[in-house]
Amino acid sequence: MKYLASYALAQIGGNNEPSSDEISAIINAAGGDVDLETLNHFMSLMKADSFENLINKGSNMLSCAGVSTSAAPASATGAAPVAETEAPAAPTETAKKAPPPVSSDSDSDIMDIFG
């Protein structure tokens, strides 16, 4: 993700064909690490087609995924009335909480695309 984002930043900045060194510089400027094998593979893929064509192909693939943002339809008979109940019991000390999520330094961490 960080390689694609850096390539896009270079394109937006007016560099239509950024080099591996320029992509590395963008990632390093953001505090990220560059894996040369991954970067070289990415750059070989980018030479196969134009950036705009690849973005269009990817957009078309996403549109075929059937992503929907509409809400679920309402019930035909309407919502059932909610019965009054007692307040929920306070949690006991024996109840266990879920452990905190483990952080990862992989490229799949969406919140830190340059990390």
N, C-alpha and C. Protein backbone atom coordinates (compact mmCIF):
# COMPACT_ATOMS: atom_id res chain seq x y z
N MET A 1 0.82 -1.19 0.00
CA MET A 1 0.00 0.00 0.00
C MET A 1 0.87 1.25 0.00
N LYS A 2 1.96 1.22 0.76
CA LYS A 2 2.79 2.42 0.84
C LYS A 2 3.47 2.73 -0.49
N TYR A 3 3.74 1.70 -1.28
CA TYR A 3 4.38 1.92 -2.57
C TYR A 3 3.38 2.56 -3.55
N LEU A 4 2.17 2.06 -3.53
CA LEU A 4 1.13 2.64 -4.38
C LEU A 4 0.82 4.08 -3.97
N ALA A 5 0.72 4.31 -2.67
CA ALA A 5 0.43 5.66 -2.18
C ALA A 5 1.56 6.62 -2.56
N SER A 6 2.79 6.17 -2.44
CA SER A 6 3.93 7.03 -2.80
C SER A 6 3.97 7.31 -4.29
N TYR A 7 3.64 6.29 -5.08
CA TYR A 7 3.59 6.47 -6.53
C TYR A 7 2.50 7.48 -6.89
N ALA A 8 1.35 7.37 -6.24
CA ALA A 8 0.25 8.30 -6.48
C ALA A 8 0.64 9.72 -6.08
N LEU A 9 1.34 9.86 -4.96
CA LEU A 9 1.79 11.20 -4.53
C LEU A 9 2.74 11.81 -5.56
N ALA A 10 3.63 10.99 -6.09
CA ALA A 10 4.56 11.49 -7.11
C ALA A 10 3.79 11.91 -8.35
N GLN A 11 2.78 11.13 -8.75
CA GLN A 11 1.95 11.47 -9.91
C GLN A 11 1.21 12.78 -9.68
N ILE A 12 0.63 12.93 -8.51
CA ILE A 12 -0.10 14.16 -8.19
C ILE A 12 0.83 15.35 -8.21
N GLY A 13 2.09 15.12 -7.80
CA GLY A 13 3.09 16.18 -7.81
C GLY A 13 3.63 16.52 -9.18
N GLY A 14 3.16 15.82 -10.23
CA GLY A 14 3.56 16.14 -11.58
C GLY A 14 4.62 15.23 -12.17
N ASN A 15 5.07 14.22 -11.43
CA ASN A 15 6.07 13.29 -11.94
C ASN A 15 5.33 12.08 -12.53
N ASN A 16 5.23 12.04 -13.86
CA ASN A 16 4.45 10.99 -14.51
C ASN A 16 5.10 9.62 -14.48
N GLU A 17 6.42 9.56 -14.32
CA GLU A 17 7.12 8.28 -14.26
C GLU A 17 8.15 8.31 -13.14
N PRO A 18 7.71 8.23 -11.88
CA PRO A 18 8.66 8.27 -10.77
C PRO A 18 9.55 7.03 -10.76
N SER A 19 10.79 7.21 -10.35
CA SER A 19 11.75 6.12 -10.28
C SER A 19 11.66 5.43 -8.92
N SER A 20 12.35 4.31 -8.81
CA SER A 20 12.40 3.59 -7.54
C SER A 20 13.01 4.46 -6.44
N ASP A 21 14.05 5.23 -6.81
CA ASP A 21 14.69 6.11 -5.84
C ASP A 21 13.74 7.19 -5.34
N GLU A 22 12.92 7.71 -6.25
CA GLU A 22 11.96 8.75 -5.85
C GLU A 22 10.87 8.17 -4.95
N ILE A 23 10.41 6.97 -5.26
CA ILE A 23 9.41 6.32 -4.41
C ILE A 23 10.01 6.04 -3.03
N SER A 24 11.25 5.56 -3.00
CA SER A 24 11.94 5.31 -1.73
C SER A 24 12.07 6.59 -0.92
N ALA A 25 12.39 7.69 -1.60
CA ALA A 25 12.56 8.96 -0.90
C ALA A 25 11.24 9.41 -0.26
N ILE A 26 10.13 9.22 -0.96
CA ILE A 26 8.83 9.60 -0.41
C ILE A 26 8.51 8.77 0.82
N ILE A 27 8.73 7.46 0.73
CA ILE A 27 8.44 6.57 1.87
C ILE A 27 9.35 6.91 3.05
N ASN A 28 10.64 7.11 2.77
CA ASN A 28 11.59 7.45 3.84
C ASN A 28 11.25 8.79 4.49
N ALA A 29 10.80 9.75 3.69
CA ALA A 29 10.43 11.07 4.23
C ALA A 29 9.26 10.96 5.19
N ALA A 30 8.41 9.95 4.97
CA ALA A 30 7.27 9.74 5.87
C ALA A 30 7.64 8.85 7.04
N GLY A 31 8.90 8.44 7.12
CA GLY A 31 9.34 7.62 8.25
C GLY A 31 9.16 6.14 8.04
N GLY A 32 8.91 5.72 6.81
CA GLY A 32 8.68 4.30 6.52
C GLY A 32 9.95 3.61 6.08
N ASP A 33 9.90 2.29 6.06
CA ASP A 33 11.00 1.47 5.60
C ASP A 33 10.67 0.92 4.22
N VAL A 34 11.69 0.76 3.40
CA VAL A 34 11.52 0.28 2.04
C VAL A 34 12.13 -1.10 1.91
N ASP A 35 11.34 -2.04 1.41
CA ASP A 35 11.82 -3.37 1.07
C ASP A 35 12.12 -3.34 -0.43
N LEU A 36 13.40 -3.44 -0.79
CA LEU A 36 13.79 -3.28 -2.19
C LEU A 36 13.18 -4.34 -3.10
N GLU A 37 13.04 -5.55 -2.62
CA GLU A 37 12.43 -6.60 -3.44
C GLU A 37 10.98 -6.26 -3.77
N THR A 38 10.24 -5.82 -2.76
CA THR A 38 8.84 -5.44 -2.96
C THR A 38 8.74 -4.22 -3.87
N LEU A 39 9.61 -3.26 -3.65
CA LEU A 39 9.60 -2.04 -4.47
C LEU A 39 9.91 -2.37 -5.93
N ASN A 40 10.91 -3.22 -6.16
CA ASN A 40 11.25 -3.58 -7.54
C ASN A 40 10.11 -4.32 -8.22
N HIS A 41 9.44 -5.20 -7.48
CA HIS A 41 8.29 -5.91 -8.04
C HIS A 41 7.18 -4.91 -8.38
N PHE A 42 6.90 -4.00 -7.47
CA PHE A 42 5.88 -2.98 -7.71
C PHE A 42 6.22 -2.15 -8.94
N MET A 43 7.47 -1.73 -9.06
CA MET A 43 7.87 -0.89 -10.19
C MET A 43 7.75 -1.66 -11.51
N SER A 44 8.02 -2.96 -11.50
CA SER A 44 7.86 -3.75 -12.73
C SER A 44 6.39 -3.82 -13.13
N LEU A 45 5.51 -3.90 -12.15
CA LEU A 45 4.07 -3.90 -12.45
C LEU A 45 3.62 -2.55 -13.00
N MET A 46 4.20 -1.48 -12.49
CA MET A 46 3.81 -0.15 -12.93
C MET A 46 4.29 0.14 -14.35
N LYS A 47 5.36 -0.52 -14.79
CA LYS A 47 5.87 -0.30 -16.15
C LYS A 47 5.01 -1.01 -17.18
N ALA A 48 4.21 -1.98 -16.74
CA ALA A 48 3.39 -2.76 -17.66
C ALA A 48 2.21 -1.97 -18.22
N ASP A 49 1.75 -0.96 -17.49
CA ASP A 49 0.58 -0.20 -17.91
C ASP A 49 0.66 1.19 -17.28
N SER A 50 -0.13 2.12 -17.77
CA SER A 50 -0.12 3.47 -17.20
C SER A 50 -0.85 3.47 -15.86
N PHE A 51 -0.49 4.42 -15.04
CA PHE A 51 -1.09 4.55 -13.72
C PHE A 51 -2.60 4.75 -13.83
N GLU A 52 -3.02 5.60 -14.76
CA GLU A 52 -4.45 5.88 -14.94
C GLU A 52 -5.22 4.62 -15.34
N ASN A 53 -4.65 3.82 -16.25
CA ASN A 53 -5.31 2.59 -16.66
C ASN A 53 -5.43 1.60 -15.51
N LEU A 54 -4.38 1.50 -14.71
CA LEU A 54 -4.42 0.59 -13.57
C LEU A 54 -5.46 1.02 -12.54
N ILE A 55 -5.57 2.32 -12.31
CA ILE A 55 -6.59 2.83 -11.39
C ILE A 55 -7.98 2.54 -11.92
N ASN A 56 -8.18 2.76 -13.22
CA ASN A 56 -9.49 2.48 -13.82
C ASN A 56 -9.84 0.99 -13.73
N LYS A 57 -8.87 0.12 -14.01
CA LYS A 57 -9.11 -1.32 -13.91
C LYS A 57 -9.48 -1.71 -12.49
N GLY A 58 -8.75 -1.15 -11.52
CA GLY A 58 -9.04 -1.44 -10.12
C GLY A 58 -10.40 -0.94 -9.70
N SER A 59 -10.78 0.24 -10.19
CA SER A 59 -12.10 0.79 -9.87
C SER A 59 -13.20 -0.10 -10.43
N ASN A 60 -12.99 -0.60 -11.67
CA ASN A 60 -13.97 -1.49 -12.27
C ASN A 60 -14.09 -2.80 -11.48
N MET A 61 -12.97 -3.30 -11.00
CA MET A 61 -13.00 -4.53 -10.19
C MET A 61 -13.78 -4.30 -8.90
N LEU A 62 -13.58 -3.15 -8.29
CA LEU A 62 -14.29 -2.85 -7.05
C LEU A 62 -15.79 -2.68 -7.30
N SER A 63 -16.14 -2.10 -8.43
CA SER A 63 -17.56 -1.91 -8.71
C SER A 63 -18.26 -3.24 -8.94
N CYS A 64 -17.53 -4.25 -9.39
CA CYS A 64 -18.11 -5.59 -9.60
C CYS A 64 -18.29 -6.34 -8.28
N ALA A 65 -17.68 -5.84 -7.22
CA ALA A 65 -17.75 -6.51 -5.92
C ALA A 65 -19.14 -6.38 -5.29
N GLY A 66 -19.96 -5.48 -5.80
CA GLY A 66 -21.32 -5.34 -5.29
C GLY A 66 -21.41 -4.68 -3.93
N VAL A 67 -20.56 -3.72 -3.68
CA VAL A 67 -20.59 -3.01 -2.41
C VAL A 67 -21.84 -2.15 -2.36
N SER A 68 -22.58 -2.23 -1.28
CA SER A 68 -23.81 -1.48 -1.14
C SER A 68 -23.75 -0.61 0.10
N THR A 69 -24.25 0.61 -0.04
CA THR A 69 -24.28 1.50 1.12
C THR A 69 -25.71 1.76 1.59
N SER A 70 -26.67 1.04 1.00
CA SER A 70 -28.06 1.28 1.40
C SER A 70 -28.37 0.55 2.70
N ALA A 71 -29.33 1.07 3.41
CA ALA A 71 -29.74 0.49 4.68
C ALA A 71 -30.65 -0.71 4.43
N ALA A 72 -30.78 -1.58 5.42
CA ALA A 72 -31.67 -2.74 5.30
C ALA A 72 -33.11 -2.25 5.25
N PRO A 73 -33.95 -2.93 4.49
CA PRO A 73 -35.35 -2.49 4.42
C PRO A 73 -36.07 -2.67 5.75
N ALA A 74 -37.02 -1.79 6.00
CA ALA A 74 -37.79 -1.86 7.24
C ALA A 74 -38.78 -3.02 7.17
N SER A 75 -39.17 -3.51 8.30
CA SER A 75 -40.13 -4.61 8.36
C SER A 75 -41.48 -4.13 7.82
N ALA A 76 -42.17 -5.01 7.10
CA ALA A 76 -43.46 -4.64 6.51
C ALA A 76 -44.52 -4.40 7.58
N THR A 77 -44.41 -5.06 8.70
CA THR A 77 -45.42 -4.90 9.75
C THR A 77 -45.03 -3.86 10.78
N GLY A 78 -43.88 -3.26 10.62
CA GLY A 78 -43.43 -2.28 11.59
C GLY A 78 -42.61 -2.94 12.69
N ALA A 79 -42.00 -2.15 13.50
CA ALA A 79 -41.17 -2.69 14.57
C ALA A 79 -42.04 -3.13 15.73
N ALA A 80 -41.67 -4.22 16.33
CA ALA A 80 -42.39 -4.71 17.50
C ALA A 80 -42.10 -3.80 18.68
N PRO A 81 -43.09 -3.58 19.53
CA PRO A 81 -42.83 -2.73 20.70
C PRO A 81 -41.83 -3.39 21.63
N VAL A 82 -41.03 -2.57 22.24
CA VAL A 82 -40.01 -3.07 23.16
C VAL A 82 -40.61 -3.15 24.55
N ALA A 83 -40.53 -4.31 25.14
CA ALA A 83 -41.07 -4.49 26.49
C ALA A 83 -40.11 -3.89 27.50
N GLU A 84 -40.68 -3.32 28.55
CA GLU A 84 -39.82 -2.79 29.60
C GLU A 84 -39.22 -3.94 30.37
N THR A 85 -37.94 -3.81 30.63
CA THR A 85 -37.23 -4.85 31.38
C THR A 85 -36.45 -4.19 32.49
N GLU A 86 -35.94 -5.03 33.35
CA GLU A 86 -35.10 -4.50 34.42
C GLU A 86 -33.78 -4.07 33.83
N ALA A 87 -33.11 -3.18 34.55
CA ALA A 87 -31.80 -2.73 34.11
C ALA A 87 -30.85 -3.91 34.09
N PRO A 88 -29.93 -3.94 33.16
CA PRO A 88 -29.00 -5.06 33.11
C PRO A 88 -28.14 -5.11 34.37
N ALA A 89 -27.80 -6.31 34.75
CA ALA A 89 -26.99 -6.48 35.95
C ALA A 89 -25.60 -5.91 35.73
N ALA A 90 -25.04 -5.37 36.78
CA ALA A 90 -23.68 -4.82 36.69
C ALA A 90 -22.71 -5.96 36.44
N PRO A 91 -21.68 -5.71 35.64
CA PRO A 91 -20.72 -6.78 35.37
C PRO A 91 -20.00 -7.19 36.65
N THR A 92 -19.77 -8.47 36.75
CA THR A 92 -19.08 -8.98 37.93
C THR A 92 -17.58 -8.93 37.70
N GLU A 93 -16.85 -9.04 38.78
CA GLU A 93 -15.40 -9.00 38.68
C GLU A 93 -14.86 -10.23 37.97
N THR A 94 -15.62 -11.30 37.94
CA THR A 94 -15.15 -12.52 37.30
C THR A 94 -15.28 -12.47 35.79
N ALA A 95 -16.03 -11.49 35.29
CA ALA A 95 -16.16 -11.37 33.84
C ALA A 95 -14.82 -10.96 33.26
N LYS A 96 -14.42 -11.65 32.20
CA LYS A 96 -13.12 -11.37 31.60
C LYS A 96 -13.30 -10.44 30.40
N LYS A 97 -12.38 -9.52 30.28
CA LYS A 97 -12.39 -8.61 29.15
C LYS A 97 -11.51 -9.19 28.05
N ALA A 98 -11.81 -8.83 26.81
CA ALA A 98 -10.99 -9.29 25.68
C ALA A 98 -9.63 -8.63 25.77
N PRO A 99 -8.57 -9.36 25.40
CA PRO A 99 -7.24 -8.75 25.44
C PRO A 99 -7.13 -7.65 24.39
N PRO A 100 -6.27 -6.66 24.63
CA PRO A 100 -6.13 -5.58 23.66
C PRO A 100 -5.55 -6.14 22.36
N PRO A 101 -5.87 -5.51 21.21
CA PRO A 101 -5.35 -6.01 19.94
C PRO A 101 -3.84 -5.89 19.88
N VAL A 102 -3.22 -6.82 19.22
CA VAL A 102 -1.77 -6.83 19.07
C VAL A 102 -1.43 -5.97 17.87
N SER A 103 -0.49 -5.05 18.05
CA SER A 103 -0.12 -4.19 16.93
C SER A 103 0.79 -4.95 15.99
N SER A 104 0.79 -4.52 14.75
CA SER A 104 1.55 -5.20 13.71
C SER A 104 2.31 -4.17 12.89
N ASP A 105 3.51 -4.53 12.45
CA ASP A 105 4.30 -3.63 11.61
C ASP A 105 4.21 -4.01 10.14
N SER A 106 3.22 -4.81 9.79
CA SER A 106 3.10 -5.26 8.40
C SER A 106 2.46 -4.19 7.53
N ASP A 107 2.52 -4.41 6.21
CA ASP A 107 1.92 -3.47 5.26
C ASP A 107 0.41 -3.47 5.35
N SER A 108 -0.19 -4.45 6.04
CA SER A 108 -1.63 -4.53 6.09
C SER A 108 -2.24 -3.57 7.11
N ASP A 109 -1.43 -2.86 7.87
CA ASP A 109 -1.94 -1.92 8.86
C ASP A 109 -2.42 -0.67 8.14
N ILE A 110 -3.72 -0.54 7.98
CA ILE A 110 -4.31 0.51 7.17
C ILE A 110 -4.10 1.90 7.76
N MET A 111 -3.93 2.01 9.07
CA MET A 111 -3.79 3.33 9.69
C MET A 111 -2.39 3.91 9.53
N ASP A 112 -1.41 3.08 9.18
CA ASP A 112 -0.04 3.57 9.06
C ASP A 112 0.52 3.08 7.73
N ILE A 113 0.10 3.70 6.64
CA ILE A 113 0.46 3.17 5.33
C ILE A 113 1.94 3.36 5.01
N PHE A 114 2.63 4.23 5.71
CA PHE A 114 4.04 4.42 5.43
C PHE A 114 4.94 3.75 6.45
N GLY A 115 4.38 3.05 7.42
CA GLY A 115 5.15 2.44 8.50
C GLY A 115 5.79 1.22 8.17
